[in-house]
Amino acid sequence: MEKNIRELNLSDDFLFAKVMTDSEICCRVLEKILKVPIRKVEAPTTQRTIDLLFEGKGVRLDVYVNDDEGTVYNIEMQCSRKRNLPKRTRYYAGSIDLDLITAGEDYINLKKAYVILICTFDPFRDGRHIYTFENRCRENLSLSLGDESIKIFLNTRGTLDDVDEEMKELLAYVEDTTDRFAAQAKSPLIRQIHQKVNEVKQNPKMEVEYMTLMQRDRENIKLGREEGVKMALDIIRLHLDGKEAQEIANLLGLEADYVNQILEDYANLPR
């Protein structure tokens, strides 16, 4: 069942992106996550698409901001557990780098970049509220590669006492973005965010935009299902013609794992 705009939590892409267009809120949230002062951020660009011309596809970044030193931050909500989440952050980081530097430029021009995913589940099942990754030497963990590419996963359902109470409260608010929660929250940051949340939810233009996006998503899902069924039938047809999975994948431009999954599902169908 679809929610109306007044029922959204901050974990919803639409509400999160709209709230983070407030540069001051965006700055305060980043400061809280990174534990470093940030003088200012440029106005965030929400739902930005970086075009990757060599593959003809792009990556959508929920919030893409720069601070006054040129550091790049990509912040995204992640509400569904996916096995490829770490590689997704790698893809995002690479896409950001391609966007930052043009052909022939010196690599020194690449800025420090953070990919931050706020997850409504524990991505590594270690109970932590925050997981920070950067490249280090396996033989000497005190030796950092220094490529200035950092990936951070926040977990709204952490159980360890690894962050302060304000961070715990902020992460809980992501999934309980209600007047009740905001009223009893001790954090001034939550009250500031909730004021912006209410501005978005009570703005008729935002409601129209949200409903328009929901209609577009419904149409895309329907189209995706239709295309998925057609693709599955093509895979099965080629399989029945005697083609092997890898050959089918090559013919249709698909991943072999996807083809194997379709064929496995087909083999398990009742006869």
C-alpha atoms as a PDB file:
ATOM      1  CA  MET A   1       0.000   0.000   0.000  1.00  0.00           C
ATOM      2  CA  GLU A   2       1.420   3.357  -1.014  1.00  0.00           C
ATOM      3  CA  LYS A   3       1.874   6.112   1.559  1.00  0.00           C
ATOM      4  CA  ASN A   4       0.762   9.677   1.132  1.00  0.00           C
ATOM      5  CA  ILE A   5       3.361  12.369   1.670  1.00  0.00           C
ATOM      6  CA  ARG A   6       2.321  12.997   5.300  1.00  0.00           C
ATOM      7  CA  GLU A   7       3.057   9.383   6.221  1.00  0.00           C
ATOM      8  CA  LEU A   8       6.623   9.372   4.907  1.00  0.00           C
ATOM      9  CA  ASN A   9       9.632   8.756   7.105  1.00  0.00           C
ATOM     10  CA  LEU A  10      13.030  10.302   6.448  1.00  0.00           C
ATOM     11  CA  SER A  11      14.082   6.883   5.106  1.00  0.00           C
ATOM     12  CA  ASP A  12      11.972   7.590   2.016  1.00  0.00           C
ATOM     13  CA  ASP A  13      14.099   8.843  -0.886  1.00  0.00           C
ATOM     14  CA  PHE A  14      11.738  11.680  -1.749  1.00  0.00           C
ATOM     15  CA  LEU A  15      11.500  13.194   1.731  1.00  0.00           C
ATOM     16  CA  PHE A  16      15.194  12.657   2.463  1.00  0.00           C
ATOM     17  CA  ALA A  17      16.276  14.410  -0.741  1.00  0.00           C
ATOM     18  CA  LYS A  18      13.941  17.366  -0.141  1.00  0.00           C
ATOM     19  CA  VAL A  19      15.083  17.840   3.457  1.00  0.00           C
ATOM     20  CA  MET A  20      18.739  17.661   2.490  1.00  0.00           C
ATOM     21  CA  THR A  21      18.349  20.511   0.004  1.00  0.00           C
ATOM     22  CA  ASP A  22      18.583  22.696   3.106  1.00  0.00           C
ATOM     23  CA  SER A  23      22.310  23.434   3.106  1.00  0.00           C
ATOM     24  CA  GLU A  24      22.481  24.105   6.838  1.00  0.00           C
ATOM     25  CA  ILE A  25      20.782  20.815   7.714  1.00  0.00           C
ATOM     26  CA  CYS A  26      22.955  18.969   5.205  1.00  0.00           C
ATOM     27  CA  CYS A  27      26.055  20.503   6.765  1.00  0.00           C
ATOM     28  CA  ARG A  28      24.999  19.632  10.338  1.00  0.00           C
ATOM     29  CA  VAL A  29      24.181  16.023   9.375  1.00  0.00           C
ATOM     30  CA  LEU A  30      27.571  15.590   7.697  1.00  0.00           C
ATOM     31  CA  GLU A  31      29.315  17.076  10.719  1.00  0.00           C
ATOM     32  CA  LYS A  32      27.509  14.627  12.966  1.00  0.00           C
ATOM     33  CA  ILE A  33      28.437  11.629  10.839  1.00  0.00           C
ATOM     34  CA  LEU A  34      32.069  12.586  10.237  1.00  0.00           C
ATOM     35  CA  LYS A  35      32.779  14.306  13.571  1.00  0.00           C
ATOM     36  CA  VAL A  36      34.569  17.167  11.840  1.00  0.00           C
ATOM     37  CA  PRO A  37      33.579  20.840  11.456  1.00  0.00           C
ATOM     38  CA  ILE A  38      32.340  21.873   8.006  1.00  0.00           C
ATOM     39  CA  ARG A  39      32.187  25.609   7.403  1.00  0.00           C
ATOM     40  CA  LYS A  40      29.568  25.406   4.682  1.00  0.00           C
ATOM     41  CA  VAL A  41      28.254  23.244   1.872  1.00  0.00           C
ATOM     42  CA  GLU A  42      27.208  24.307  -1.579  1.00  0.00           C
ATOM     43  CA  ALA A  43      23.510  23.905  -2.273  1.00  0.00           C
ATOM     44  CA  PRO A  44      22.958  20.161  -2.598  1.00  0.00           C
ATOM     45  CA  THR A  45      21.949  18.741  -5.946  1.00  0.00           C
ATOM     46  CA  THR A  46      19.359  16.040  -5.301  1.00  0.00           C
ATOM     47  CA  GLN A  47      18.622  13.078  -7.558  1.00  0.00           C
ATOM     48  CA  ARG A  48      21.623  13.990  -9.698  1.00  0.00           C
ATOM     49  CA  THR A  49      22.484  11.632 -12.517  1.00  0.00           C
ATOM     50  CA  ILE A  50      26.084  11.190 -13.593  1.00  0.00           C
ATOM     51  CA  ASP A  51      26.099  10.018 -17.194  1.00  0.00           C
ATOM     52  CA  LEU A  52      28.557   7.266 -17.972  1.00  0.00           C
ATOM     53  CA  LEU A  53      28.811   7.567 -21.701  1.00  0.00           C
ATOM     54  CA  PHE A  54      30.994   4.531 -22.209  1.00  0.00           C
ATOM     55  CA  GLU A  55      28.193   2.299 -20.919  1.00  0.00           C
ATOM     56  CA  GLY A  56      25.262   4.467 -21.793  1.00  0.00           C
ATOM     57  CA  LYS A  57      23.887   4.430 -18.264  1.00  0.00           C
ATOM     58  CA  GLY A  58      24.145   6.526 -15.153  1.00  0.00           C
ATOM     59  CA  VAL A  59      23.999   6.418 -11.396  1.00  0.00           C
ATOM     60  CA  ARG A  60      21.450   8.349  -9.388  1.00  0.00           C
ATOM     61  CA  LEU A  61      22.825  10.044  -6.316  1.00  0.00           C
ATOM     62  CA  ASP A  62      20.207  10.980  -3.723  1.00  0.00           C
ATOM     63  CA  VAL A  63      22.206  13.919  -2.368  1.00  0.00           C
ATOM     64  CA  TYR A  64      25.459  15.123  -3.923  1.00  0.00           C
ATOM     65  CA  VAL A  65      27.185  18.021  -2.172  1.00  0.00           C
ATOM     66  CA  ASN A  66      30.538  19.800  -1.926  1.00  0.00           C
ATOM     67  CA  ASP A  67      31.948  21.613   1.074  1.00  0.00           C
ATOM     68  CA  ASP A  68      34.032  24.783   0.866  1.00  0.00           C
ATOM     69  CA  GLU A  69      37.204  22.705   0.416  1.00  0.00           C
ATOM     70  CA  GLY A  70      35.906  20.773  -2.577  1.00  0.00           C
ATOM     71  CA  THR A  71      35.279  17.486  -0.769  1.00  0.00           C
ATOM     72  CA  VAL A  72      32.485  15.497  -2.380  1.00  0.00           C
ATOM     73  CA  TYR A  73      29.792  13.739  -0.350  1.00  0.00           C
ATOM     74  CA  ASN A  74      27.242  11.357  -1.816  1.00  0.00           C
ATOM     75  CA  ILE A  75      24.569  10.530   0.770  1.00  0.00           C
ATOM     76  CA  GLU A  76      21.911   7.947   0.021  1.00  0.00           C
ATOM     77  CA  MET A  77      19.150   6.106   1.832  1.00  0.00           C
ATOM     78  CA  GLN A  78      19.211   2.324   1.490  1.00  0.00           C
ATOM     79  CA  CYS A  79      16.070   0.550   2.663  1.00  0.00           C
ATOM     80  CA  SER A  80      16.429  -2.847   1.006  1.00  0.00           C
ATOM     81  CA  ARG A  81      19.168  -5.359   1.700  1.00  0.00           C
ATOM     82  CA  LYS A  82      21.143  -6.147  -1.451  1.00  0.00           C
ATOM     83  CA  ARG A  83      24.040  -8.549  -1.778  1.00  0.00           C
ATOM     84  CA  ASN A  84      25.941  -6.141  -4.027  1.00  0.00           C
ATOM     85  CA  LEU A  85      25.858  -3.171  -1.638  1.00  0.00           C
ATOM     86  CA  PRO A  86      29.669  -2.891  -1.199  1.00  0.00           C
ATOM     87  CA  LYS A  87      30.206  -3.031  -4.974  1.00  0.00           C
ATOM     88  CA  ARG A  88      27.471  -0.445  -5.379  1.00  0.00           C
ATOM     89  CA  THR A  89      29.500   1.976  -3.249  1.00  0.00           C
ATOM     90  CA  ARG A  90      32.535   1.183  -5.393  1.00  0.00           C
ATOM     91  CA  TYR A  91      30.497   1.994  -8.511  1.00  0.00           C
ATOM     92  CA  TYR A  92      29.287   5.268  -6.977  1.00  0.00           C
ATOM     93  CA  ALA A  93      32.808   6.282  -5.992  1.00  0.00           C
ATOM     94  CA  GLY A  94      34.123   5.543  -9.486  1.00  0.00           C
ATOM     95  CA  SER A  95      31.262   7.467 -11.051  1.00  0.00           C
ATOM     96  CA  ILE A  96      31.987  10.483  -8.856  1.00  0.00           C
ATOM     97  CA  ASP A  97      35.658  10.383  -9.884  1.00  0.00           C
ATOM     98  CA  LEU A  98      34.697  10.314 -13.570  1.00  0.00           C
ATOM     99  CA  ASP A  99      32.488  13.315 -12.980  1.00  0.00           C
ATOM    100  CA  LEU A 100      35.251  15.223 -11.182  1.00  0.00           C
ATOM    101  CA  ILE A 101      38.057  14.831 -13.675  1.00  0.00           C
ATOM    102  CA  THR A 102      38.188  15.226 -17.434  1.00  0.00           C
ATOM    103  CA  ALA A 103      40.342  13.255 -19.818  1.00  0.00           C
ATOM    104  CA  GLY A 104      43.979  14.312 -19.707  1.00  0.00           C
ATOM    105  CA  GLU A 105      43.798  15.993 -16.293  1.00  0.00           C
ATOM    106  CA  ASP A 106      46.246  15.112 -13.560  1.00  0.00           C
ATOM    107  CA  TYR A 107      44.866  12.685 -10.960  1.00  0.00           C
ATOM    108  CA  ILE A 108      45.992  15.106  -8.258  1.00  0.00           C
ATOM    109  CA  ASN A 109      42.865  17.101  -9.143  1.00  0.00           C
ATOM    110  CA  LEU A 110      40.634  14.369  -7.725  1.00  0.00           C
ATOM    111  CA  LYS A 111      39.020  15.583  -4.504  1.00  0.00           C
ATOM    112  CA  LYS A 112      38.406  13.624  -1.321  1.00  0.00           C
ATOM    113  CA  ALA A 113      35.117  11.747  -1.771  1.00  0.00           C
ATOM    114  CA  TYR A 114      32.753  10.139   0.709  1.00  0.00           C
ATOM    115  CA  VAL A 115      30.009   7.672  -0.219  1.00  0.00           C
ATOM    116  CA  ILE A 116      27.599   7.489   2.725  1.00  0.00           C
ATOM    117  CA  LEU A 117      24.749   4.980   2.841  1.00  0.00           C
ATOM    118  CA  ILE A 118      22.134   5.243   5.597  1.00  0.00           C
ATOM    119  CA  CYS A 119      20.720   1.726   5.923  1.00  0.00           C
ATOM    120  CA  THR A 120      17.512   0.669   7.689  1.00  0.00           C
ATOM    121  CA  PHE A 121      19.146  -2.713   8.348  1.00  0.00           C
ATOM    122  CA  ASP A 122      22.533  -3.909   9.558  1.00  0.00           C
ATOM    123  CA  PRO A 123      24.578  -4.304   6.336  1.00  0.00           C
ATOM    124  CA  PHE A 124      27.343  -6.357   8.002  1.00  0.00           C
ATOM    125  CA  ARG A 125      25.428  -7.930  10.911  1.00  0.00           C
ATOM    126  CA  ASP A 126      27.984  -6.741  13.443  1.00  0.00           C
ATOM    127  CA  GLY A 127      25.614  -4.627  15.561  1.00  0.00           C
ATOM    128  CA  ARG A 128      27.360  -1.343  14.808  1.00  0.00           C
ATOM    129  CA  HIS A 129      25.633   1.952  14.098  1.00  0.00           C
ATOM    130  CA  ILE A 130      28.475   3.004  11.803  1.00  0.00           C
ATOM    131  CA  TYR A 131      30.957   1.189   9.569  1.00  0.00           C
ATOM    132  CA  THR A 132      33.766   3.210   7.954  1.00  0.00           C
ATOM    133  CA  PHE A 133      35.946   1.788   5.199  1.00  0.00           C
ATOM    134  CA  GLU A 134      39.077   3.125   3.554  1.00  0.00           C
ATOM    135  CA  ASN A 135      41.891   1.392   1.698  1.00  0.00           C
ATOM    136  CA  ARG A 136      44.707   0.154   3.944  1.00  0.00           C
ATOM    137  CA  CYS A 137      47.681  -2.163   3.576  1.00  0.00           C
ATOM    138  CA  ARG A 138      46.780  -5.701   4.693  1.00  0.00           C
ATOM    139  CA  GLU A 139      50.299  -6.299   5.920  1.00  0.00           C
ATOM    140  CA  ASN A 140      50.362  -3.074   7.958  1.00  0.00           C
ATOM    141  CA  LEU A 141      46.914  -1.768   8.857  1.00  0.00           C
ATOM    142  CA  SER A 142      48.386   1.504  10.119  1.00  0.00           C
ATOM    143  CA  LEU A 143      49.442   2.264   6.535  1.00  0.00           C
ATOM    144  CA  SER A 144      46.684   4.000   4.581  1.00  0.00           C
ATOM    145  CA  LEU A 145      46.682   4.079   0.788  1.00  0.00           C
ATOM    146  CA  GLY A 146      45.771   7.763   0.901  1.00  0.00           C
ATOM    147  CA  ASP A 147      43.448   7.708  -2.130  1.00  0.00           C
ATOM    148  CA  GLU A 148      40.926   9.780  -0.131  1.00  0.00           C
ATOM    149  CA  SER A 149      37.989   7.552  -1.080  1.00  0.00           C
ATOM    150  CA  ILE A 150      35.916   6.688   1.995  1.00  0.00           C
ATOM    151  CA  LYS A 151      32.772   4.577   2.267  1.00  0.00           C
ATOM    152  CA  ILE A 152      30.524   4.869   5.317  1.00  0.00           C
ATOM    153  CA  PHE A 153      27.524   2.688   6.154  1.00  0.00           C
ATOM    154  CA  LEU A 154      25.150   3.905   8.873  1.00  0.00           C
ATOM    155  CA  ASN A 155      22.795   1.392  10.487  1.00  0.00           C
ATOM    156  CA  THR A 156      19.531   2.654  12.005  1.00  0.00           C
ATOM    157  CA  ARG A 157      19.185  -0.607  13.946  1.00  0.00           C
ATOM    158  CA  GLY A 158      22.586  -0.809  15.596  1.00  0.00           C
ATOM    159  CA  THR A 159      22.832  -2.382  19.047  1.00  0.00           C
ATOM    160  CA  LEU A 160      26.398  -1.590  20.164  1.00  0.00           C
ATOM    161  CA  ASP A 161      27.335   1.450  22.231  1.00  0.00           C
ATOM    162  CA  ASP A 162      29.623   2.733  19.476  1.00  0.00           C
ATOM    163  CA  VAL A 163      28.191   6.221  18.850  1.00  0.00           C
ATOM    164  CA  ASP A 164      26.899   9.000  21.103  1.00  0.00           C
ATOM    165  CA  GLU A 165      23.271   9.338  22.160  1.00  0.00           C
ATOM    166  CA  GLU A 166      22.528  12.104  19.642  1.00  0.00           C
ATOM    167  CA  MET A 167      23.622   9.876  16.751  1.00  0.00           C
ATOM    168  CA  LYS A 168      21.522   6.988  18.076  1.00  0.00           C
ATOM    169  CA  GLU A 169      18.551   9.327  18.322  1.00  0.00           C
ATOM    170  CA  LEU A 170      19.121  10.685  14.826  1.00  0.00           C
ATOM    171  CA  LEU A 171      19.282   7.181  13.328  1.00  0.00           C
ATOM    172  CA  ALA A 172      16.113   6.161  15.184  1.00  0.00           C
ATOM    173  CA  TYR A 173      14.365   9.281  13.828  1.00  0.00           C
ATOM    174  CA  VAL A 174      15.126   8.161  10.262  1.00  0.00           C
ATOM    175  CA  GLU A 175      12.570   5.361  10.675  1.00  0.00           C
ATOM    176  CA  ASP A 176      10.203   7.200  13.046  1.00  0.00           C
ATOM    177  CA  THR A 177       9.867  10.659  11.530  1.00  0.00           C
ATOM    178  CA  THR A 178       6.848  11.661  13.579  1.00  0.00           C
ATOM    179  CA  ASP A 179       5.739  14.654  15.611  1.00  0.00           C
ATOM    180  CA  ARG A 180       5.709  12.417  18.693  1.00  0.00           C
ATOM    181  CA  PHE A 181       9.337  11.364  18.269  1.00  0.00           C
ATOM    182  CA  ALA A 182      10.529  14.902  17.479  1.00  0.00           C
ATOM    183  CA  ALA A 183       8.709  16.340  20.513  1.00  0.00           C
ATOM    184  CA  GLN A 184      10.511  14.041  22.953  1.00  0.00           C
ATOM    185  CA  ALA A 185      13.895  14.158  21.170  1.00  0.00           C
ATOM    186  CA  LYS A 186      16.769  15.716  23.119  1.00  0.00           C
ATOM    187  CA  SER A 187      18.735  16.625  19.990  1.00  0.00           C
ATOM    188  CA  PRO A 188      18.347  20.186  18.621  1.00  0.00           C
ATOM    189  CA  LEU A 189      19.380  18.767  15.224  1.00  0.00           C
ATOM    190  CA  ILE A 190      16.318  16.508  15.139  1.00  0.00           C
ATOM    191  CA  ARG A 191      14.027  19.427  15.927  1.00  0.00           C
ATOM    192  CA  GLN A 192      15.674  21.442  13.144  1.00  0.00           C
ATOM    193  CA  ILE A 193      15.259  18.576  10.676  1.00  0.00           C
ATOM    194  CA  HIS A 194      11.660  17.983  11.748  1.00  0.00           C
ATOM    195  CA  GLN A 195      10.762  21.600  11.060  1.00  0.00           C
ATOM    196  CA  LYS A 196      11.974  21.120   7.484  1.00  0.00           C
ATOM    197  CA  VAL A 197      10.140  17.776   7.277  1.00  0.00           C
ATOM    198  CA  ASN A 198       6.864  19.487   8.163  1.00  0.00           C
ATOM    199  CA  GLU A 199       7.516  22.254   5.625  1.00  0.00           C
ATOM    200  CA  VAL A 200       7.890  19.631   2.889  1.00  0.00           C
ATOM    201  CA  LYS A 201       4.878  17.569   3.981  1.00  0.00           C
ATOM    202  CA  GLN A 202       2.594  20.590   4.216  1.00  0.00           C
ATOM    203  CA  ASN A 203       3.619  22.136   0.884  1.00  0.00           C
ATOM    204  CA  PRO A 204       0.932  21.448  -1.771  1.00  0.00           C
ATOM    205  CA  LYS A 205       3.520  21.661  -4.559  1.00  0.00           C
ATOM    206  CA  MET A 206       5.608  18.954  -2.868  1.00  0.00           C
ATOM    207  CA  GLU A 207       2.534  16.739  -2.599  1.00  0.00           C
ATOM    208  CA  VAL A 208       1.830  17.104  -6.319  1.00  0.00           C
ATOM    209  CA  GLU A 209       5.463  16.346  -7.145  1.00  0.00           C
ATOM    210  CA  TYR A 210       5.429  13.280  -4.894  1.00  0.00           C
ATOM    211  CA  MET A 211       2.223  11.915  -6.421  1.00  0.00           C
ATOM    212  CA  THR A 212       3.613  12.511  -9.919  1.00  0.00           C
ATOM    213  CA  LEU A 213       6.760  10.558  -9.036  1.00  0.00           C
ATOM    214  CA  MET A 214       4.681   7.724  -7.571  1.00  0.00           C
ATOM    215  CA  GLN A 215       2.677   7.479 -10.797  1.00  0.00           C
ATOM    216  CA  ARG A 216       5.880   7.428 -12.828  1.00  0.00           C
ATOM    217  CA  ASP A 217       7.318   4.699 -10.603  1.00  0.00           C
ATOM    218  CA  ARG A 218       4.157   2.586 -11.000  1.00  0.00           C
ATOM    219  CA  GLU A 219       4.447   2.870 -14.766  1.00  0.00           C
ATOM    220  CA  ASN A 220       8.157   1.989 -14.691  1.00  0.00           C
ATOM    221  CA  ILE A 221       7.498  -1.045 -12.484  1.00  0.00           C
ATOM    222  CA  LYS A 222       4.810  -2.269 -14.853  1.00  0.00           C
ATOM    223  CA  LEU A 223       7.099  -1.745 -17.851  1.00  0.00           C
ATOM    224  CA  GLY A 224       9.945  -3.481 -16.038  1.00  0.00           C
ATOM    225  CA  ARG A 225       7.781  -6.496 -15.286  1.00  0.00           C
ATOM    226  CA  GLU A 226       6.681  -6.747 -18.900  1.00  0.00           C
ATOM    227  CA  GLU A 227      10.284  -6.491 -20.129  1.00  0.00           C
ATOM    228  CA  GLY A 228      11.400  -8.997 -17.487  1.00  0.00           C
ATOM    229  CA  VAL A 229       8.851 -11.550 -18.637  1.00  0.00           C
ATOM    230  CA  LYS A 230       9.903 -11.111 -22.258  1.00  0.00           C
ATOM    231  CA  MET A 231      13.582 -11.509 -21.321  1.00  0.00           C
ATOM    232  CA  ALA A 232      12.865 -14.665 -19.325  1.00  0.00           C
ATOM    233  CA  LEU A 233      10.958 -16.163 -22.264  1.00  0.00           C
ATOM    234  CA  ASP A 234      13.865 -15.371 -24.603  1.00  0.00           C
ATOM    235  CA  ILE A 235      16.283 -17.098 -22.220  1.00  0.00           C
ATOM    236  CA  ILE A 236      14.099 -20.209 -21.962  1.00  0.00           C
ATOM    237  CA  ARG A 237      13.581 -20.328 -25.734  1.00  0.00           C
ATOM    238  CA  LEU A 238      17.342 -20.255 -26.360  1.00  0.00           C
ATOM    239  CA  HIS A 239      17.858 -22.852 -23.638  1.00  0.00           C
ATOM    240  CA  LEU A 240      15.353 -25.176 -25.298  1.00  0.00           C
ATOM    241  CA  ASP A 241      17.203 -24.627 -28.556  1.00  0.00           C
ATOM    242  CA  GLY A 242      20.266 -26.168 -26.911  1.00  0.00           C
ATOM    243  CA  LYS A 243      22.195 -23.036 -25.957  1.00  0.00           C
ATOM    244  CA  GLU A 244      24.332 -23.024 -22.788  1.00  0.00           C
ATOM    245  CA  ALA A 245      23.862 -20.357 -20.098  1.00  0.00           C
ATOM    246  CA  GLN A 246      27.044 -18.444 -20.928  1.00  0.00           C
ATOM    247  CA  GLU A 247      26.189 -18.488 -24.624  1.00  0.00           C
ATOM    248  CA  ILE A 248      22.711 -17.147 -23.867  1.00  0.00           C
ATOM    249  CA  ALA A 249      24.206 -14.431 -21.693  1.00  0.00           C
ATOM    250  CA  ASN A 250      26.543 -13.400 -24.498  1.00  0.00           C
ATOM    251  CA  LEU A 251      23.756 -13.383 -27.090  1.00  0.00           C
ATOM    252  CA  LEU A 252      21.396 -11.279 -24.973  1.00  0.00           C
ATOM    253  CA  GLY A 253      24.004  -9.070 -23.302  1.00  0.00           C
ATOM    254  CA  LEU A 254      23.144 -10.332 -19.813  1.00  0.00           C
ATOM    255  CA  GLU A 255      25.040 -11.429 -16.724  1.00  0.00           C
ATOM    256  CA  ALA A 256      25.543 -15.192 -16.582  1.00  0.00           C
ATOM    257  CA  ASP A 257      24.288 -15.276 -12.979  1.00  0.00           C
ATOM    258  CA  TYR A 258      20.973 -13.780 -14.075  1.00  0.00           C
ATOM    259  CA  VAL A 259      20.592 -16.317 -16.869  1.00  0.00           C
ATOM    260  CA  ASN A 260      21.419 -19.190 -14.520  1.00  0.00           C
ATOM    261  CA  GLN A 261      18.814 -17.955 -12.011  1.00  0.00           C
ATOM    262  CA  ILE A 262      16.111 -17.835 -14.692  1.00  0.00           C
ATOM    263  CA  LEU A 263      17.017 -21.341 -15.861  1.00  0.00           C
ATOM    264  CA  GLU A 264      17.039 -22.628 -12.285  1.00  0.00           C
ATOM    265  CA  ASP A 265      13.589 -21.179 -11.665  1.00  0.00           C
ATOM    266  CA  TYR A 266      12.390 -22.710 -14.928  1.00  0.00           C
ATOM    267  CA  ALA A 267      13.781 -26.132 -13.969  1.00  0.00           C
ATOM    268  CA  ASN A 268      11.922 -25.993 -10.645  1.00  0.00           C
ATOM    269  CA  LEU A 269       8.549 -25.219 -12.210  1.00  0.00           C
ATOM    270  CA  PRO A 270       5.962 -27.985 -11.625  1.00  0.00           C
ATOM    271  CA  ARG A 271       5.503 -30.143 -14.726  1.00  0.00           C
END
